[in-house]
């Protein structure tokens, strides 16, 4: 198992546009019995309610949503480019149908009960603060509906406090 160093949000010097939108992340939640993960390229980092937060969105039909809804915490794991194929796999295969974490070859680890992956470079441990389904009624640009929500399956928005950031030190 790799070692990690806890860093503060001020020490986290990553570009969220690159990190989330281009390099992707894994959203992971679960308990001792069962964990699931999904690849995401939508979300953000910022400040809300006087706290450092992460914003993520998950479609209602995604299996990982059940885990995020059930648990108080989840993790966001960020990886080197060499894991791109693995992230693609984890984003296209459902954990309902197979044990995709085991098949991926990634090593499941936990920080105070919250699952994450040991191969990640950085991991954000997040405590849920807010959840709300998005609605096409609130979208001001009609093109967004036509492009992303033709079937009406709007994402759920989650806002979560970033309680810890782990910087993984590879052995």
Protein backbone atom coordinates (compact mmCIF):
# COMPACT_ATOMS: atom_id res chain seq x y z
CA UNK A 1 0.00 0.00 0.00
CA UNK A 2 1.30 3.43 -0.91
CA UNK A 3 1.70 6.11 1.74
CA UNK A 4 -0.13 9.40 1.67
CA UNK A 5 0.38 12.85 3.08
CA UNK A 6 -2.57 14.95 4.15
CA UNK A 7 -2.43 18.39 2.56
CA UNK A 8 -4.66 21.44 2.98
CA UNK A 9 -6.90 22.87 0.30
CA UNK A 10 -4.45 25.79 0.02
CA UNK A 11 -1.68 23.30 -0.82
CA UNK A 12 -3.76 21.64 -3.56
CA UNK A 13 -2.31 23.35 -6.63
CA UNK A 14 -4.18 21.55 -9.40
CA UNK A 15 -6.18 23.18 -12.19
CA UNK A 16 -9.76 21.88 -11.72
CA UNK A 17 -10.63 22.48 -15.38
CA UNK A 18 -7.80 20.19 -16.48
CA UNK A 19 -8.09 17.76 -13.58
CA UNK A 20 -11.84 17.10 -13.84
CA UNK A 21 -12.75 17.99 -17.41
CA UNK A 22 -9.74 16.56 -19.23
CA UNK A 23 -8.11 13.98 -16.94
CA UNK A 24 -11.33 12.74 -15.26
CA UNK A 25 -11.88 11.44 -11.75
CA UNK A 26 -13.43 8.49 -9.97
CA UNK A 27 -16.37 9.10 -7.64
CA UNK A 28 -16.33 6.27 -5.09
CA UNK A 29 -18.65 5.44 -2.21
CA UNK A 30 -19.61 2.43 -0.16
CA UNK A 31 -19.31 0.59 3.10
CA UNK A 32 -17.37 -2.44 4.34
CA UNK A 33 -19.61 -4.86 2.41
CA UNK A 34 -19.90 -3.15 -0.98
CA UNK A 35 -18.27 -0.28 -2.86
CA UNK A 36 -18.91 1.16 -6.29
CA UNK A 37 -17.16 3.75 -8.41
CA UNK A 38 -17.76 5.69 -11.62
CA UNK A 39 -15.71 7.91 -13.87
CA UNK A 40 -16.78 11.55 -14.07
CA UNK A 41 -15.66 14.53 -16.10
CA UNK A 42 -18.23 17.03 -14.82
CA UNK A 43 -17.89 18.83 -11.51
CA UNK A 44 -15.94 21.52 -9.79
CA UNK A 45 -14.18 22.79 -6.71
CA UNK A 46 -14.95 25.99 -4.84
CA UNK A 47 -16.34 27.55 -1.71
CA UNK A 48 -19.93 27.30 -0.47
CA UNK A 49 -21.48 27.63 2.99
CA UNK A 50 -18.12 28.94 4.19
CA UNK A 51 -16.50 25.57 3.38
CA UNK A 52 -14.15 24.22 0.72
CA UNK A 53 -16.39 22.05 -1.43
CA UNK A 54 -16.54 19.77 -4.43
CA UNK A 55 -19.51 19.77 -6.81
CA UNK A 56 -20.34 16.55 -8.64
CA UNK A 57 -23.28 15.44 -10.74
CA UNK A 58 -24.54 11.89 -11.15
CA UNK A 59 -27.33 10.68 -13.43
CA UNK A 60 -30.20 8.95 -11.60
CA UNK A 61 -29.70 5.59 -13.35
CA UNK A 62 -26.02 5.29 -12.37
CA UNK A 63 -25.42 2.51 -9.85
CA UNK A 64 -22.87 4.65 -7.98
CA UNK A 65 -25.63 7.15 -7.18
CA UNK A 66 -27.21 4.59 -4.83
CA UNK A 67 -23.94 4.37 -2.89
CA UNK A 68 -23.40 8.14 -2.78
CA UNK A 69 -27.00 8.64 -1.62
CA UNK A 70 -26.68 6.02 1.12
CA UNK A 71 -23.32 7.04 2.60
CA UNK A 72 -22.34 10.29 4.35
CA UNK A 73 -19.02 10.50 2.51
CA UNK A 74 -17.46 9.70 -0.85
CA UNK A 75 -14.07 10.19 -2.45
CA UNK A 76 -12.81 11.79 -5.63
CA UNK A 77 -9.66 10.09 -6.94
CA UNK A 78 -7.36 11.60 -9.57
CA UNK A 79 -4.84 9.58 -11.60
CA UNK A 80 -1.86 9.77 -13.96
CA UNK A 81 -2.50 9.49 -17.71
CA UNK A 82 -1.40 5.84 -17.65
CA UNK A 83 -4.76 5.00 -16.00
CA UNK A 84 -6.89 6.56 -18.75
CA UNK A 85 -7.91 3.17 -20.18
CA UNK A 86 -8.92 1.99 -16.69
CA UNK A 87 -10.96 5.14 -16.09
CA UNK A 88 -12.68 4.65 -19.44
CA UNK A 89 -13.56 1.08 -18.48
CA UNK A 90 -14.88 2.14 -15.05
CA UNK A 91 -17.06 4.76 -16.72
CA UNK A 92 -18.68 2.42 -19.24
CA UNK A 93 -19.28 -0.79 -17.24
CA UNK A 94 -21.86 -0.97 -14.47
CA UNK A 95 -21.01 -2.39 -11.07
CA UNK A 96 -24.49 -3.93 -11.09
CA UNK A 97 -23.37 -6.41 -13.73
CA UNK A 98 -19.87 -7.30 -12.58
CA UNK A 99 -17.25 -6.52 -9.96
CA UNK A 100 -15.66 -3.82 -12.07
CA UNK A 101 -13.34 -2.64 -9.30
CA UNK A 102 -11.74 -6.08 -9.05
CA UNK A 103 -11.55 -6.37 -12.84
CA UNK A 104 -9.95 -2.90 -13.12
CA UNK A 105 -6.89 -4.00 -11.14
CA UNK A 106 -7.05 -0.91 -8.90
CA UNK A 107 -6.37 -1.31 -5.19
CA UNK A 108 -9.23 -0.30 -2.93
CA UNK A 109 -8.11 1.56 0.20
CA UNK A 110 -9.99 3.46 2.92
CA UNK A 111 -9.52 6.68 4.80
CA UNK A 112 -11.59 6.63 8.01
CA UNK A 113 -14.05 4.29 6.27
CA UNK A 114 -14.32 6.22 2.98
CA UNK A 115 -13.14 4.12 0.01
CA UNK A 116 -10.60 5.44 -2.50
CA UNK A 117 -7.91 4.01 -4.78
CA UNK A 118 -4.29 3.59 -3.79
CA UNK A 119 -3.06 4.23 -7.35
CA UNK A 120 -4.46 7.78 -7.39
CA UNK A 121 -2.19 10.83 -7.17
CA UNK A 122 -4.61 12.86 -5.11
CA UNK A 123 -7.79 11.93 -3.28
CA UNK A 124 -10.42 14.29 -1.94
CA UNK A 125 -12.47 12.91 0.94
CA UNK A 126 -15.88 14.56 0.77
CA UNK A 127 -18.75 14.85 3.25
CA UNK A 128 -22.15 15.42 1.64
CA UNK A 129 -23.85 18.72 2.40
CA UNK A 130 -26.46 19.06 -0.36
CA UNK A 131 -28.25 16.99 -3.01
CA UNK A 132 -30.81 18.14 -5.52
CA UNK A 133 -32.05 16.78 -8.84
CA UNK A 134 -31.39 19.14 -11.71
CA UNK A 135 -34.38 20.11 -13.83
CA UNK A 136 -34.65 21.11 -17.47
CA UNK A 137 -37.07 23.83 -16.27
CA UNK A 138 -34.09 25.63 -14.75
CA UNK A 139 -31.84 25.50 -17.81
CA UNK A 140 -31.67 28.88 -19.52
CA UNK A 141 -29.98 27.65 -22.68
CA UNK A 142 -32.26 25.42 -24.79
CA UNK A 143 -29.21 23.87 -26.46
CA UNK A 144 -28.23 22.27 -23.14
CA UNK A 145 -31.52 20.40 -23.03
CA UNK A 146 -31.17 19.26 -26.64
CA UNK A 147 -27.56 18.24 -26.16
CA UNK A 148 -27.55 16.64 -22.71
CA UNK A 149 -31.09 15.92 -21.55
CA UNK A 150 -33.22 14.82 -24.51
CA UNK A 151 -34.37 11.76 -22.56
CA UNK A 152 -35.06 13.83 -19.43
CA UNK A 153 -32.59 12.01 -17.19
CA UNK A 154 -31.17 15.07 -15.47
CA UNK A 155 -28.26 14.65 -13.09
CA UNK A 156 -28.43 14.94 -9.32
CA UNK A 157 -26.17 17.72 -8.05
CA UNK A 158 -24.13 17.02 -4.93
CA UNK A 159 -22.21 19.61 -2.96
CA UNK A 160 -19.79 18.11 -0.47
CA UNK A 161 -17.29 19.54 1.97
CA UNK A 162 -13.71 18.54 1.20
CA UNK A 163 -12.67 17.28 4.63
CA UNK A 164 -9.26 15.85 3.68
CA UNK A 165 -6.94 15.82 0.70
CA UNK A 166 -4.55 12.91 0.42
CA UNK A 167 -1.45 13.25 -1.76
CA UNK A 168 -0.35 9.71 -2.52
CA UNK A 169 3.37 8.97 -2.36
CA UNK A 170 4.19 6.09 -4.69
CA UNK A 171 6.65 3.52 -3.37
